[in-house]
Amino acid sequence: MSGTIMSGRRGGVRLFSVIGVTYPAGSVCTCTKGTKSYKAKNTSGRALFAVPETGDWTVSCTDGTQTASKTVTISAEGESVNVTLAYN
C-alpha cells in the first residue's frame, strides 16, 4: 500500500504524501497531526491517508476496548510510508 497522490492547483501540482496503515479489521483507524485529523472510510483493516504536509503524524486504531498507535514521520512531499498497528 503505497503511492503518491498529485493534486492540481493554480500555479502547479502539489504532491501529497501517503501513509498506508494495516490495522485489526473491525477497528476504527485515524491519522492526526495537530488540528488535522482523518478517519478511515471503513473498518476493513487497511487504509490509505493522503496527508498534506510533512512532520510527525500519529496513526491509531481502536475497537472500543483496545487502542494501538504509532508516530510516523513524513520528511518530504510525495513520500510514502507503511505502518502496521496491532493490539498487545
Protein backbone atom coordinates (compact mmCIF):
# COMPACT_ATOMS: atom_id res chain seq x y z
CA MET A 1 0.00 0.00 0.00
CA SER A 2 1.91 2.98 -1.19
CA GLY A 3 1.77 5.66 -3.80
CA THR A 4 1.78 9.35 -4.48
CA ILE A 5 -1.29 11.49 -4.88
CA MET A 6 -0.97 14.59 -7.01
CA SER A 7 -3.43 17.43 -6.91
CA GLY A 8 -3.61 20.18 -9.50
CA ARG A 9 -3.88 23.73 -8.30
CA ARG A 10 -3.24 27.13 -9.71
CA GLY A 11 0.45 27.56 -10.31
CA GLY A 12 1.46 23.90 -10.30
CA VAL A 13 0.97 20.47 -8.87
CA ARG A 14 1.01 19.63 -5.19
CA LEU A 15 2.31 16.25 -4.06
CA PHE A 16 0.57 14.65 -1.12
CA SER A 17 2.38 12.09 0.99
CA VAL A 18 0.65 8.77 1.64
CA ILE A 19 0.53 6.81 4.88
CA GLY A 20 -0.63 3.23 4.37
CA VAL A 21 -1.97 1.57 7.51
CA THR A 22 -2.75 -2.07 8.23
CA TYR A 23 -4.74 -2.48 11.43
CA PRO A 24 -7.06 -5.07 13.07
CA ALA A 25 -10.23 -5.43 10.99
CA GLY A 26 -13.33 -4.11 12.73
CA SER A 27 -11.42 -1.22 14.31
CA VAL A 28 -11.69 2.49 13.67
CA CYS A 29 -8.44 3.98 12.31
CA THR A 30 -7.39 7.64 12.40
CA CYS A 31 -4.42 9.72 11.31
CA THR A 32 -3.75 13.03 13.09
CA LYS A 33 -1.30 15.92 13.23
CA GLY A 34 -2.18 18.95 15.32
CA THR A 35 -5.70 20.03 14.37
CA LYS A 36 -5.77 17.91 11.20
CA SER A 37 -7.49 14.56 11.65
CA TYR A 38 -8.55 11.96 9.11
CA LYS A 39 -10.66 8.83 9.68
CA ALA A 40 -10.54 5.66 7.58
CA LYS A 41 -13.64 5.25 5.41
CA ASN A 42 -14.34 1.77 6.76
CA THR A 43 -13.15 -0.81 9.29
CA SER A 44 -11.66 -3.22 6.74
CA GLY A 45 -8.20 -3.31 8.32
CA ARG A 46 -6.47 -1.29 5.58
CA ALA A 47 -6.41 2.45 4.97
CA LEU A 48 -4.53 4.98 2.87
CA PHE A 49 -4.25 8.52 4.19
CA ALA A 50 -3.20 11.31 1.82
CA VAL A 51 -1.54 13.81 4.14
CA PRO A 52 -0.98 17.40 3.01
CA GLU A 53 2.18 18.25 4.94
CA THR A 54 5.41 16.92 6.38
CA GLY A 55 6.02 16.27 10.06
CA ASP A 56 5.01 13.74 12.69
CA TRP A 57 1.63 12.08 12.14
CA THR A 58 0.02 9.77 14.69
CA VAL A 59 -1.88 6.80 13.32
CA SER A 60 -4.11 4.95 15.75
CA CYS A 61 -6.87 2.39 15.87
CA THR A 62 -9.39 1.28 18.45
CA ASP A 63 -12.01 -1.42 18.73
CA GLY A 64 -13.69 0.28 21.69
CA THR A 65 -11.72 -1.52 24.38
CA GLN A 66 -8.19 -1.70 22.96
CA THR A 67 -6.06 1.00 21.34
CA ALA A 68 -2.84 0.94 19.33
CA SER A 69 -0.89 3.86 17.89
CA LYS A 70 2.40 4.78 16.24
CA THR A 71 4.03 8.02 15.18
CA VAL A 72 5.06 8.27 11.54
CA THR A 73 7.46 10.94 10.31
CA ILE A 74 6.89 12.34 6.83
CA SER A 75 10.03 14.21 5.84
CA ALA A 76 9.29 15.14 2.21
CA GLU A 77 6.27 15.84 -0.01
CA GLY A 78 5.31 12.78 -2.04
CA GLU A 79 6.81 10.34 0.46
CA SER A 80 5.04 7.01 1.10
CA VAL A 81 5.21 5.22 4.44
CA ASN A 82 3.56 1.98 5.55
CA VAL A 83 2.77 1.10 9.15
CA THR A 84 1.14 -1.87 10.86
CA LEU A 85 -0.85 -1.50 14.07
CA ALA A 86 -1.67 -4.40 16.38
CA TYR A 87 -3.14 -4.79 19.83
CA ASN A 88 -0.90 -6.26 22.52
